[in-house]
Structures are given as C-alpha cells and as structure tokens.
C-alpha cells in the first residue's frame, strides 16, 4: 500500500475530488495548509500599508491506495490540479506498512 500526499491550490480541490471519485477513489483526507516553494510569497495592501505574505494557502490531500492504483491516482491529480502556472503543487508517495480500521479491526487492504 502507498500513501499519496498532494499539495494543490485551494480552488482546484473540488475538481480533483470529482476526478478521483470518477476513478473509484472515495476515501481521502483534506487539510488546509500554508507554505511556499518557488512561488514564494507576495505583497498585499491593507489600509494603505504594504505587507508581505510569506506563506500561501494550499490544500493537502492524503490518500492511501493499493500499489497498483498509484499511477492512475497521480495522473488524475495532475490532470485535474494543473494550471500550468507556478505554485500548482507537488505529489509525494510513501510506503504504508499497516492500516487498521478502528471500528471493525480490519487490517491492511481490507481496511482501505
């Protein structure tokens, strides 16, 4: 099993979720996060004063899938989250050693 973490622009969340649902991915976790990479921050004007916003709002999506699903999930996220502009985000894939469904005690693939 693999855990896929995708950092995307907030306005792309609905589109990504719909696309994942279409390929059969129904369980995921979404977190509002802040960060920056090459996009860096930007300056804003508030009541006549200029200030720097260092960390930009992003969305982190976490999905645990079977290893054979990884490529299709990644392709789906890329195609639905890409704007072609800096700051589109990143995808990270890591190994999952064990999964347990708390309610039933099911483990590993049956718990996903």
PDB file of N, CA and C in Angstrom:
ATOM      1  N   UNK A   1       0.839  -1.180   0.000  1.00  0.00           N
ATOM      2  CA  UNK A   1       0.000   0.000   0.000  1.00  0.00           C
ATOM      3  C   UNK A   1       0.881   1.240   0.000  1.00  0.00           C
ATOM      4  N   UNK A   2       0.332   2.308  -0.532  1.00  0.00           N
ATOM      5  CA  UNK A   2       1.058   3.570  -0.645  1.00  0.00           C
ATOM      6  C   UNK A   2       0.190   4.706  -0.141  1.00  0.00           C
ATOM      7  N   UNK A   3       0.848   5.722   0.401  1.00  0.00           N
ATOM      8  CA  UNK A   3       0.158   6.948   0.798  1.00  0.00           C
ATOM      9  C   UNK A   3       0.570   8.026  -0.190  1.00  0.00           C
ATOM     10  N   UNK A   4      -0.422   8.658  -0.790  1.00  0.00           N
ATOM     11  CA  UNK A   4      -0.184   9.745  -1.729  1.00  0.00           C
ATOM     12  C   UNK A   4      -0.597  11.040  -1.052  1.00  0.00           C
ATOM     13  N   UNK A   5       0.337  11.980  -0.974  1.00  0.00           N
ATOM     14  CA  UNK A   5       0.049  13.309  -0.438  1.00  0.00           C
ATOM     15  C   UNK A   5       0.204  14.296  -1.578  1.00  0.00           C
ATOM     16  N   UNK A   6      -0.821  15.069  -1.824  1.00  0.00           N
ATOM     17  CA  UNK A   6      -0.786  16.064  -2.883  1.00  0.00           C
ATOM     18  C   UNK A   6      -1.039  17.434  -2.286  1.00  0.00           C
ATOM     19  N   UNK A   7      -0.162  18.371  -2.610  1.00  0.00           N
ATOM     20  CA  UNK A   7      -0.334  19.762  -2.200  1.00  0.00           C
ATOM     21  C   UNK A   7      -0.818  20.507  -3.439  1.00  0.00           C
ATOM     22  N   UNK A   8      -2.010  21.090  -3.359  1.00  0.00           N
ATOM     23  CA  UNK A   8      -2.603  21.740  -4.528  1.00  0.00           C
ATOM     24  C   UNK A   8      -3.125  23.129  -4.172  1.00  0.00           C
ATOM     25  N   UNK A   9      -3.498  23.872  -5.213  1.00  0.00           N
ATOM     26  CA  UNK A   9      -4.121  25.182  -4.996  1.00  0.00           C
ATOM     27  C   UNK A   9      -5.544  24.968  -4.484  1.00  0.00           C
ATOM     28  N   UNK A  10      -5.988  25.793  -3.545  1.00  0.00           N
ATOM     29  CA  UNK A  10      -7.308  25.590  -2.936  1.00  0.00           C
ATOM     30  C   UNK A  10      -8.471  25.550  -3.922  1.00  0.00           C
ATOM     31  N   UNK A  11      -8.456  26.368  -4.948  1.00  0.00           N
ATOM     32  CA  UNK A  11      -9.597  26.419  -5.867  1.00  0.00           C
ATOM     33  C   UNK A  11      -9.688  25.187  -6.757  1.00  0.00           C
ATOM     34  N   UNK A  12      -8.684  24.313  -6.707  1.00  0.00           N
ATOM     35  CA  UNK A  12      -8.686  23.089  -7.510  1.00  0.00           C
ATOM     36  C   UNK A  12      -9.237  21.882  -6.742  1.00  0.00           C
ATOM     37  N   UNK A  13      -9.564  22.051  -5.469  1.00  0.00           N
ATOM     38  CA  UNK A  13      -9.988  20.924  -4.635  1.00  0.00           C
ATOM     39  C   UNK A  13     -11.208  20.196  -5.183  1.00  0.00           C
ATOM     40  N   UNK A  14     -12.266  20.900  -5.507  1.00  0.00           N
ATOM     41  CA  UNK A  14     -13.487  20.251  -5.995  1.00  0.00           C
ATOM     42  C   UNK A  14     -13.223  19.460  -7.273  1.00  0.00           C
ATOM     43  N   UNK A  15     -12.474  20.055  -8.167  1.00  0.00           N
ATOM     44  CA  UNK A  15     -12.158  19.397  -9.441  1.00  0.00           C
ATOM     45  C   UNK A  15     -11.359  18.114  -9.215  1.00  0.00           C
ATOM     46  N   UNK A  16     -10.374  18.172  -8.305  1.00  0.00           N
ATOM     47  CA  UNK A  16      -9.552  16.998  -8.007  1.00  0.00           C
ATOM     48  C   UNK A  16     -10.401  15.912  -7.348  1.00  0.00           C
ATOM     49  N   UNK A  17     -11.241  16.284  -6.388  1.00  0.00           N
ATOM     50  CA  UNK A  17     -12.091  15.300  -5.706  1.00  0.00           C
ATOM     51  C   UNK A  17     -13.052  14.615  -6.671  1.00  0.00           C
ATOM     52  N   UNK A  18     -13.642  15.379  -7.566  1.00  0.00           N
ATOM     53  CA  UNK A  18     -14.554  14.801  -8.558  1.00  0.00           C
ATOM     54  C   UNK A  18     -13.823  13.822  -9.466  1.00  0.00           C
ATOM     55  N   UNK A  19     -12.625  14.199  -9.906  1.00  0.00           N
ATOM     56  CA  UNK A  19     -11.844  13.339 -10.788  1.00  0.00           C
ATOM     57  C   UNK A  19     -11.423  12.053 -10.075  1.00  0.00           C
ATOM     58  N   UNK A  20     -11.050  12.157  -8.804  1.00  0.00           N
ATOM     59  CA  UNK A  20     -10.674  10.966  -8.030  1.00  0.00           C
ATOM     60  C   UNK A  20     -11.877  10.053  -7.828  1.00  0.00           C
ATOM     61  N   UNK A  21     -13.027  10.644  -7.588  1.00  0.00           N
ATOM     62  CA  UNK A  21     -14.252   9.874  -7.419  1.00  0.00           C
ATOM     63  C   UNK A  21     -14.591   9.089  -8.689  1.00  0.00           C
ATOM     64  N   UNK A  22     -14.335   9.690  -9.833  1.00  0.00           N
ATOM     65  CA  UNK A  22     -14.609   9.039 -11.118  1.00  0.00           C
ATOM     66  C   UNK A  22     -13.753   7.788 -11.335  1.00  0.00           C
ATOM     67  N   UNK A  23     -12.551   7.748 -10.734  1.00  0.00           N
ATOM     68  CA  UNK A  23     -11.701   6.558 -10.894  1.00  0.00           C
ATOM     69  C   UNK A  23     -11.844   5.603  -9.704  1.00  0.00           C
ATOM     70  N   UNK A  24     -12.825   5.858  -8.848  1.00  0.00           N
ATOM     71  CA  UNK A  24     -13.122   4.930  -7.771  1.00  0.00           C
ATOM     72  C   UNK A  24     -12.465   5.216  -6.442  1.00  0.00           C
ATOM     73  N   UNK A  25     -11.856   6.390  -6.288  1.00  0.00           N
ATOM     74  CA  UNK A  25     -11.245   6.755  -5.010  1.00  0.00           C
ATOM     75  C   UNK A  25     -12.288   7.532  -4.213  1.00  0.00           C
ATOM     76  N   UNK A  26     -12.734   6.941  -3.113  1.00  0.00           N
ATOM     77  CA  UNK A  26     -13.788   7.592  -2.337  1.00  0.00           C
ATOM     78  C   UNK A  26     -13.312   8.065  -0.972  1.00  0.00           C
ATOM     79  N   UNK A  27     -12.199   7.534  -0.479  1.00  0.00           N
ATOM     80  CA  UNK A  27     -11.721   7.933   0.841  1.00  0.00           C
ATOM     81  C   UNK A  27     -10.472   8.771   0.750  1.00  0.00           C
ATOM     82  N   UNK A  28     -10.533   9.944   1.349  1.00  0.00           N
ATOM     83  CA  UNK A  28      -9.357  10.802   1.383  1.00  0.00           C
ATOM     84  C   UNK A  28      -9.472  11.769   2.546  1.00  0.00           C
ATOM     85  N   UNK A  29      -8.357  12.361   2.897  1.00  0.00           N
ATOM     86  CA  UNK A  29      -8.313  13.361   3.956  1.00  0.00           C
ATOM     87  C   UNK A  29      -7.844  14.670   3.347  1.00  0.00           C
ATOM     88  N   UNK A  30      -8.505  15.769   3.705  1.00  0.00           N
ATOM     89  CA  UNK A  30      -8.154  17.085   3.185  1.00  0.00           C
ATOM     90  C   UNK A  30      -7.811  17.992   4.356  1.00  0.00           C
ATOM     91  N   UNK A  31      -6.694  18.700   4.224  1.00  0.00           N
ATOM     92  CA  UNK A  31      -6.247  19.613   5.267  1.00  0.00           C
ATOM     93  C   UNK A  31      -5.888  20.956   4.648  1.00  0.00           C
ATOM     94  N   UNK A  32      -6.290  22.041   5.289  1.00  0.00           N
ATOM     95  CA  UNK A  32      -5.855  23.366   4.853  1.00  0.00           C
ATOM     96  C   UNK A  32      -4.466  23.600   5.428  1.00  0.00           C
ATOM     97  N   UNK A  33      -3.517  23.923   4.559  1.00  0.00           N
ATOM     98  CA  UNK A  33      -2.137  24.146   4.986  1.00  0.00           C
ATOM     99  C   UNK A  33      -1.629  25.447   4.387  1.00  0.00           C
ATOM    100  N   UNK A  34      -0.471  25.872   4.825  1.00  0.00           N
ATOM    101  CA  UNK A  34       0.189  27.048   4.259  1.00  0.00           C
ATOM    102  C   UNK A  34       1.627  26.694   3.969  1.00  0.00           C
ATOM    103  N   UNK A  35       2.175  27.284   2.938  1.00  0.00           N
ATOM    104  CA  UNK A  35       3.566  27.022   2.613  1.00  0.00           C
ATOM    105  C   UNK A  35       4.005  27.816   1.409  1.00  0.00           C
ATOM    106  N   UNK A  36       5.266  27.615   1.039  1.00  0.00           N
ATOM    107  CA  UNK A  36       5.763  28.220  -0.189  1.00  0.00           C
ATOM    108  C   UNK A  36       6.948  27.422  -0.690  1.00  0.00           C
ATOM    109  N   UNK A  37       7.169  27.523  -1.951  1.00  0.00           N
ATOM    110  CA  UNK A  37       8.309  26.895  -2.614  1.00  0.00           C
ATOM    111  C   UNK A  37       8.874  27.920  -3.561  1.00  0.00           C
ATOM    112  N   UNK A  38       8.925  27.572  -4.824  1.00  0.00           N
ATOM    113  CA  UNK A  38       9.404  28.527  -5.824  1.00  0.00           C
ATOM    114  C   UNK A  38       8.465  29.715  -5.975  1.00  0.00           C
ATOM    115  N   UNK A  39       7.202  29.499  -5.646  1.00  0.00           N
ATOM    116  CA  UNK A  39       6.205  30.557  -5.788  1.00  0.00           C
ATOM    117  C   UNK A  39       6.505  31.712  -4.830  1.00  0.00           C
ATOM    118  N   UNK A  40       7.147  31.405  -3.719  1.00  0.00           N
ATOM    119  CA  UNK A  40       7.454  32.377  -2.672  1.00  0.00           C
ATOM    120  C   UNK A  40       6.173  33.031  -2.183  1.00  0.00           C
ATOM    121  N   UNK A  41       6.313  34.149  -1.541  1.00  0.00           N
ATOM    122  CA  UNK A  41       5.144  34.875  -1.064  1.00  0.00           C
ATOM    123  C   UNK A  41       4.805  35.997  -2.023  1.00  0.00           C
ATOM    124  N   UNK A  42       3.998  36.910  -1.559  1.00  0.00           N
ATOM    125  CA  UNK A  42       3.659  38.069  -2.363  1.00  0.00           C
ATOM    126  C   UNK A  42       3.312  39.212  -1.422  1.00  0.00           C
ATOM    127  N   UNK A  43       3.252  40.423  -1.978  1.00  0.00           N
ATOM    128  CA  UNK A  43       2.901  41.576  -1.149  1.00  0.00           C
ATOM    129  C   UNK A  43       1.432  41.914  -1.354  1.00  0.00           C
ATOM    130  N   UNK A  44       0.819  42.395  -0.292  1.00  0.00           N
ATOM    131  CA  UNK A  44      -0.578  42.827  -0.346  1.00  0.00           C
ATOM    132  C   UNK A  44      -0.683  44.199   0.288  1.00  0.00           C
ATOM    133  N   UNK A  45      -1.753  44.876  -0.036  1.00  0.00           N
ATOM    134  CA  UNK A  45      -2.005  46.208   0.506  1.00  0.00           C
ATOM    135  C   UNK A  45      -3.197  46.124   1.448  1.00  0.00           C
ATOM    136  N   UNK A  46      -3.027  46.610   2.676  1.00  0.00           N
ATOM    137  CA  UNK A  46      -4.120  46.612   3.641  1.00  0.00           C
ATOM    138  C   UNK A  46      -4.152  47.970   4.319  1.00  0.00           C
ATOM    139  N   UNK A  47      -5.251  48.687   4.128  1.00  0.00           N
ATOM    140  CA  UNK A  47      -5.424  50.029   4.702  1.00  0.00           C
ATOM    141  C   UNK A  47      -4.228  50.937   4.429  1.00  0.00           C
ATOM    142  N   UNK A  48      -3.759  50.854   3.203  1.00  0.00           N
ATOM    143  CA  UNK A  48      -2.669  51.728   2.783  1.00  0.00           C
ATOM    144  C   UNK A  48      -1.280  51.237   3.147  1.00  0.00           C
ATOM    145  N   UNK A  49      -1.174  50.178   3.914  1.00  0.00           N
ATOM    146  CA  UNK A  49       0.137  49.649   4.293  1.00  0.00           C
ATOM    147  C   UNK A  49       0.418  48.383   3.491  1.00  0.00           C
ATOM    148  N   UNK A  50       1.618  48.287   2.988  1.00  0.00           N
ATOM    149  CA  UNK A  50       2.020  47.114   2.222  1.00  0.00           C
ATOM    150  C   UNK A  50       2.669  46.108   3.169  1.00  0.00           C
ATOM    151  N   UNK A  51       2.306  44.849   3.034  1.00  0.00           N
ATOM    152  CA  UNK A  51       2.936  43.825   3.863  1.00  0.00           C
ATOM    153  C   UNK A  51       3.160  42.565   3.027  1.00  0.00           C
ATOM    154  N   UNK A  52       4.088  41.736   3.481  1.00  0.00           N
ATOM    155  CA  UNK A  52       4.467  40.532   2.746  1.00  0.00           C
ATOM    156  C   UNK A  52       3.742  39.325   3.320  1.00  0.00           C
ATOM    157  N   UNK A  53       3.138  38.551   2.447  1.00  0.00           N
ATOM    158  CA  UNK A  53       2.514  37.293   2.835  1.00  0.00           C
ATOM    159  C   UNK A  53       3.505  36.194   2.450  1.00  0.00           C
ATOM    160  N   UNK A  54       4.179  35.630   3.458  1.00  0.00           N
ATOM    161  CA  UNK A  54       5.221  34.635   3.186  1.00  0.00           C
ATOM    162  C   UNK A  54       4.646  33.272   2.844  1.00  0.00           C
ATOM    163  N   UNK A  55       3.631  32.848   3.563  1.00  0.00           N
ATOM    164  CA  UNK A  55       3.068  31.522   3.373  1.00  0.00           C
ATOM    165  C   UNK A  55       1.725  31.625   2.656  1.00  0.00           C
ATOM    166  N   UNK A  56       1.610  30.887   1.573  1.00  0.00           N
ATOM    167  CA  UNK A  56       0.401  30.934   0.766  1.00  0.00           C
ATOM    168  C   UNK A  56      -0.525  29.786   1.142  1.00  0.00           C
ATOM    169  N   UNK A  57      -1.840  30.000   1.089  1.00  0.00           N
ATOM    170  CA  UNK A  57      -2.774  28.924   1.426  1.00  0.00           C
ATOM    171  C   UNK A  57      -2.739  27.823   0.372  1.00  0.00           C
ATOM    172  N   UNK A  58      -2.705  26.598   0.841  1.00  0.00           N
ATOM    173  CA  UNK A  58      -2.706  25.418  -0.020  1.00  0.00           C
ATOM    174  C   UNK A  58      -3.634  24.384   0.592  1.00  0.00           C
ATOM    175  N   UNK A  59      -3.900  23.330  -0.148  1.00  0.00           N
ATOM    176  CA  UNK A  59      -4.691  22.200   0.328  1.00  0.00           C
ATOM    177  C   UNK A  59      -3.822  20.955   0.239  1.00  0.00           C
ATOM    178  N   UNK A  60      -3.825  20.156   1.313  1.00  0.00           N
ATOM    179  CA  UNK A  60      -3.116  18.874   1.279  1.00  0.00           C
ATOM    180  C   UNK A  60      -4.155  17.760   1.258  1.00  0.00           C
ATOM    181  N   UNK A  61      -4.041  16.904   0.254  1.00  0.00           N
ATOM    182  CA  UNK A  61      -4.910  15.740   0.125  1.00  0.00           C
ATOM    183  C   UNK A  61      -4.079  14.511   0.437  1.00  0.00           C
ATOM    184  N   UNK A  62      -4.592  13.644   1.310  1.00  0.00           N
ATOM    185  CA  UNK A  62      -3.910  12.399   1.661  1.00  0.00           C
ATOM    186  C   UNK A  62      -4.814  11.225   1.276  1.00  0.00           C
ATOM    187  N   UNK A  63      -4.229  10.270   0.553  1.00  0.00           N
ATOM    188  CA  UNK A  63      -4.979   9.107   0.085  1.00  0.00           C
ATOM    189  C   UNK A  63      -4.110   7.872   0.284  1.00  0.00           C
ATOM    190  N   UNK A  64      -4.676   6.804   0.836  1.00  0.00           N
ATOM    191  CA  UNK A  64      -3.977   5.525   0.931  1.00  0.00           C
ATOM    192  C   UNK A  64      -4.618   4.587  -0.088  1.00  0.00           C
ATOM    193  N   UNK A  65      -3.777   4.046  -0.974  1.00  0.00           N
ATOM    194  CA  UNK A  65      -4.270   3.190  -2.056  1.00  0.00           C
ATOM    195  C   UNK A  65      -3.393   1.948  -2.185  1.00  0.00           C
ATOM    196  N   UNK A  66      -3.892   0.982  -2.935  1.00  0.00           N
ATOM    197  CA  UNK A  66      -3.089  -0.187  -3.274  1.00  0.00           C
ATOM    198  C   UNK A  66      -1.994   0.255  -4.238  1.00  0.00           C
ATOM    199  N   UNK A  67      -0.871  -0.428  -4.211  1.00  0.00           N
ATOM    200  CA  UNK A  67       0.269  -0.048  -5.046  1.00  0.00           C
ATOM    201  C   UNK A  67      -0.098   0.026  -6.524  1.00  0.00           C
ATOM    202  N   UNK A  68      -0.983  -0.854  -6.967  1.00  0.00           N
ATOM    203  CA  UNK A  68      -1.354  -0.873  -8.386  1.00  0.00           C
ATOM    204  C   UNK A  68      -2.195   0.336  -8.800  1.00  0.00           C
ATOM    205  N   UNK A  69      -2.729   1.101  -7.830  1.00  0.00           N
ATOM    206  CA  UNK A  69      -3.553   2.272  -8.129  1.00  0.00           C
ATOM    207  C   UNK A  69      -2.760   3.576  -8.185  1.00  0.00           C
ATOM    208  N   UNK A  70      -1.505   3.527  -7.759  1.00  0.00           N
ATOM    209  CA  UNK A  70      -0.724   4.755  -7.594  1.00  0.00           C
ATOM    210  C   UNK A  70      -0.632   5.564  -8.882  1.00  0.00           C
ATOM    211  N   UNK A  71      -0.254   4.933  -9.980  1.00  0.00           N
ATOM    212  CA  UNK A  71      -0.063   5.678 -11.227  1.00  0.00           C
ATOM    213  C   UNK A  71      -1.337   6.368 -11.694  1.00  0.00           C
ATOM    214  N   UNK A  72      -2.471   5.678 -11.624  1.00  0.00           N
ATOM    215  CA  UNK A  72      -3.719   6.301 -12.088  1.00  0.00           C
ATOM    216  C   UNK A  72      -4.138   7.445 -11.171  1.00  0.00           C
ATOM    217  N   UNK A  73      -3.899   7.314  -9.864  1.00  0.00           N
ATOM    218  CA  UNK A  73      -4.238   8.398  -8.934  1.00  0.00           C
ATOM    219  C   UNK A  73      -3.361   9.615  -9.208  1.00  0.00           C
ATOM    220  N   UNK A  74      -2.063   9.391  -9.409  1.00  0.00           N
ATOM    221  CA  UNK A  74      -1.154  10.503  -9.697  1.00  0.00           C
ATOM    222  C   UNK A  74      -1.554  11.204 -10.993  1.00  0.00           C
ATOM    223  N   UNK A  75      -1.812  10.439 -12.044  1.00  0.00           N
ATOM    224  CA  UNK A  75      -2.220  11.029 -13.321  1.00  0.00           C
ATOM    225  C   UNK A  75      -3.507  11.840 -13.175  1.00  0.00           C
ATOM    226  N   UNK A  76      -4.441  11.312 -12.392  1.00  0.00           N
ATOM    227  CA  UNK A  76      -5.713  12.008 -12.180  1.00  0.00           C
ATOM    228  C   UNK A  76      -5.505  13.322 -11.447  1.00  0.00           C
ATOM    229  N   UNK A  77      -4.674  13.309 -10.409  1.00  0.00           N
ATOM    230  CA  UNK A  77      -4.410  14.540  -9.652  1.00  0.00           C
ATOM    231  C   UNK A  77      -3.721  15.561 -10.545  1.00  0.00           C
ATOM    232  N   UNK A  78      -2.723  15.124 -11.295  1.00  0.00           N
ATOM    233  CA  UNK A  78      -2.000  16.061 -12.166  1.00  0.00           C
ATOM    234  C   UNK A  78      -2.941  16.684 -13.192  1.00  0.00           C
ATOM    235  N   UNK A  79      -3.748  15.866 -13.848  1.00  0.00           N
ATOM    236  CA  UNK A  79      -4.608  16.397 -14.909  1.00  0.00           C
ATOM    237  C   UNK A  79      -5.693  17.330 -14.367  1.00  0.00           C
ATOM    238  N   UNK A  80      -6.142  17.103 -13.159  1.00  0.00           N
ATOM    239  CA  UNK A  80      -7.214  17.940 -12.615  1.00  0.00           C
ATOM    240  C   UNK A  80      -6.709  19.126 -11.790  1.00  0.00           C
ATOM    241  N   UNK A  81      -5.456  19.102 -11.328  1.00  0.00           N
ATOM    242  CA  UNK A  81      -4.941  20.191 -10.489  1.00  0.00           C
ATOM    243  C   UNK A  81      -4.036  21.158 -11.252  1.00  0.00           C
ATOM    244  N   UNK A  82      -3.589  20.776 -12.430  1.00  0.00           N
ATOM    245  CA  UNK A  82      -2.609  21.595 -13.162  1.00  0.00           C
ATOM    246  C   UNK A  82      -3.257  22.848 -13.749  1.00  0.00           C
ATOM    247  N   UNK A  83      -2.586  23.986 -13.510  1.00  0.00           N
ATOM    248  CA  UNK A  83      -2.974  25.235 -14.162  1.00  0.00           C
ATOM    249  C   UNK A  83      -1.896  25.658 -15.157  1.00  0.00           C
ATOM    250  N   UNK A  84      -0.706  25.100 -15.004  1.00  0.00           N
ATOM    251  CA  UNK A  84       0.414  25.477 -15.857  1.00  0.00           C
ATOM    252  C   UNK A  84       1.199  26.655 -15.332  1.00  0.00           C
ATOM    253  N   UNK A  85       0.801  27.131 -14.155  1.00  0.00           N
ATOM    254  CA  UNK A  85       1.484  28.272 -13.556  1.00  0.00           C
ATOM    255  C   UNK A  85       2.251  27.821 -12.322  1.00  0.00           C
ATOM    256  N   UNK A  86       3.194  28.633 -11.911  1.00  0.00           N
ATOM    257  CA  UNK A  86       3.999  28.316 -10.733  1.00  0.00           C
ATOM    258  C   UNK A  86       3.076  28.186  -9.516  1.00  0.00           C
ATOM    259  N   UNK A  87       3.379  27.234  -8.644  1.00  0.00           N
ATOM    260  CA  UNK A  87       2.573  27.038  -7.442  1.00  0.00           C
ATOM    261  C   UNK A  87       1.496  25.982  -7.578  1.00  0.00           C
ATOM    262  N   UNK A  88       1.505  25.216  -8.675  1.00  0.00           N
ATOM    263  CA  UNK A  88       0.499  24.164  -8.860  1.00  0.00           C
ATOM    264  C   UNK A  88       0.593  23.085  -7.789  1.00  0.00           C
ATOM    265  N   UNK A  89       1.766  22.882  -7.210  1.00  0.00           N
ATOM    266  CA  UNK A  89       1.893  21.954  -6.097  1.00  0.00           C
ATOM    267  C   UNK A  89       2.838  20.800  -6.348  1.00  0.00           C
ATOM    268  N   UNK A  90       2.765  19.822  -5.458  1.00  0.00           N
ATOM    269  CA  UNK A  90       3.631  18.651  -5.509  1.00  0.00           C
ATOM    270  C   UNK A  90       2.843  17.424  -5.072  1.00  0.00           C
ATOM    271  N   UNK A  91       3.367  16.258  -5.461  1.00  0.00           N
ATOM    272  CA  UNK A  91       2.796  14.980  -5.034  1.00  0.00           C
ATOM    273  C   UNK A  91       3.913  14.156  -4.429  1.00  0.00           C
ATOM    274  N   UNK A  92       3.643  13.570  -3.253  1.00  0.00           N
ATOM    275  CA  UNK A  92       4.608  12.717  -2.570  1.00  0.00           C
ATOM    276  C   UNK A  92       3.990  11.333  -2.390  1.00  0.00           C
ATOM    277  N   UNK A  93       4.782  10.296  -2.609  1.00  0.00           N
ATOM    278  CA  UNK A  93       4.305   8.917  -2.443  1.00  0.00           C
ATOM    279  C   UNK A  93       5.217   8.219  -1.446  1.00  0.00           C
ATOM    280  N   UNK A  94       4.610   7.624  -0.408  1.00  0.00           N
ATOM    281  CA  UNK A  94       5.382   6.895   0.605  1.00  0.00           C
ATOM    282  C   UNK A  94       4.751   5.527   0.847  1.00  0.00           C
ATOM    283  N   UNK A  95       5.546   4.628   1.400  1.00  0.00           N
ATOM    284  CA  UNK A  95       5.064   3.287   1.731  1.00  0.00           C
ATOM    285  C   UNK A  95       4.243   3.314   3.013  1.00  0.00           C
ATOM    286  N   UNK A  96       3.222   2.470   3.059  1.00  0.00           N
ATOM    287  CA  UNK A  96       2.407   2.282   4.262  1.00  0.00           C
ATOM    288  C   UNK A  96       2.624   0.843   4.724  1.00  0.00           C
ATOM    289  N   UNK A  97       3.043   0.680   5.955  1.00  0.00           N
ATOM    290  CA  UNK A  97       3.315  -0.660   6.476  1.00  0.00           C
ATOM    291  C   UNK A  97       2.058  -1.367   6.965  1.00  0.00           C
ATOM    292  N   UNK A  98       1.162  -0.622   7.581  1.00  0.00           N
ATOM    293  CA  UNK A  98      -0.015  -1.256   8.162  1.00  0.00           C
ATOM    294  C   UNK A  98      -1.164  -0.263   8.239  1.00  0.00           C
ATOM    295  N   UNK A  99      -2.378  -0.779   8.031  1.00  0.00           N
ATOM    296  CA  UNK A  99      -3.593   0.013   8.176  1.00  0.00           C
ATOM    297  C   UNK A  99      -4.563  -0.793   9.033  1.00  0.00           C
ATOM    298  N   UNK A 100      -5.228  -0.127   9.972  1.00  0.00           N
ATOM    299  CA  UNK A 100      -6.225  -0.792  10.809  1.00  0.00           C
ATOM    300  C   UNK A 100      -7.476   0.075  10.836  1.00  0.00           C
ATOM    301  N   UNK A 101      -8.624  -0.513  10.532  1.00  0.00           N
ATOM    302  CA  UNK A 101      -9.899   0.193  10.654  1.00  0.00           C
ATOM    303  C   UNK A 101     -10.328   0.049  12.107  1.00  0.00           C
ATOM    304  N   UNK A 102     -10.436   1.138  12.801  1.00  0.00           N
ATOM    305  CA  UNK A 102     -10.725   1.128  14.237  1.00  0.00           C
ATOM    306  C   UNK A 102     -12.069   0.470  14.538  1.00  0.00           C
ATOM    307  N   UNK A 103     -13.096   0.803  13.776  1.00  0.00           N
ATOM    308  CA  UNK A 103     -14.444   0.303  14.051  1.00  0.00           C
ATOM    309  C   UNK A 103     -14.526  -1.221  14.009  1.00  0.00           C
ATOM    310  N   UNK A 104     -13.904  -1.855  12.996  1.00  0.00           N
ATOM    311  CA  UNK A 104     -14.076  -3.298  12.798  1.00  0.00           C
ATOM    312  C   UNK A 104     -12.849  -4.120  13.138  1.00  0.00           C
ATOM    313  N   UNK A 105     -11.699  -3.472  13.215  1.00  0.00           N
ATOM    314  CA  UNK A 105     -10.460  -4.213  13.442  1.00  0.00           C
ATOM    315  C   UNK A 105      -9.851  -4.773  12.173  1.00  0.00           C
ATOM    316  N   UNK A 106     -10.502  -4.515  11.023  1.00  0.00           N
ATOM    317  CA  UNK A 106      -9.941  -4.975   9.744  1.00  0.00           C
ATOM    318  C   UNK A 106      -8.557  -4.382   9.557  1.00  0.00           C
ATOM    319  N   UNK A 107      -7.703  -5.126   8.847  1.00  0.00           N
ATOM    320  CA  UNK A 107      -6.340  -4.646   8.650  1.00  0.00           C
ATOM    321  C   UNK A 107      -5.967  -4.631   7.173  1.00  0.00           C
ATOM    322  N   UNK A 108      -4.956  -3.846   6.900  1.00  0.00           N
ATOM    323  CA  UNK A 108      -4.316  -3.719   5.587  1.00  0.00           C
ATOM    324  C   UNK A 108      -5.307  -3.474   4.458  1.00  0.00           C
ATOM    325  N   UNK A 109      -5.273  -4.263   3.374  1.00  0.00           N
ATOM    326  CA  UNK A 109      -6.083  -3.968   2.190  1.00  0.00           C
ATOM    327  C   UNK A 109      -7.579  -3.910   2.477  1.00  0.00           C
ATOM    328  N   UNK A 110      -8.059  -4.742   3.380  1.00  0.00           N
ATOM    329  CA  UNK A 110      -9.491  -4.715   3.691  1.00  0.00           C
ATOM    330  C   UNK A 110      -9.875  -3.474   4.493  1.00  0.00           C
ATOM    331  N   UNK A 111      -8.901  -2.832   5.135  1.00  0.00           N
ATOM    332  CA  UNK A 111      -9.171  -1.634   5.921  1.00  0.00           C
ATOM    333  C   UNK A 111      -9.154  -0.364   5.060  1.00  0.00           C
ATOM    334  N   UNK A 112      -8.573  -0.474   3.880  1.00  0.00           N
ATOM    335  CA  UNK A 112      -8.508   0.694   2.998  1.00  0.00           C
ATOM    336  C   UNK A 112      -9.839   0.825   2.316  1.00  0.00           C
TER     337      UNK A 112
END
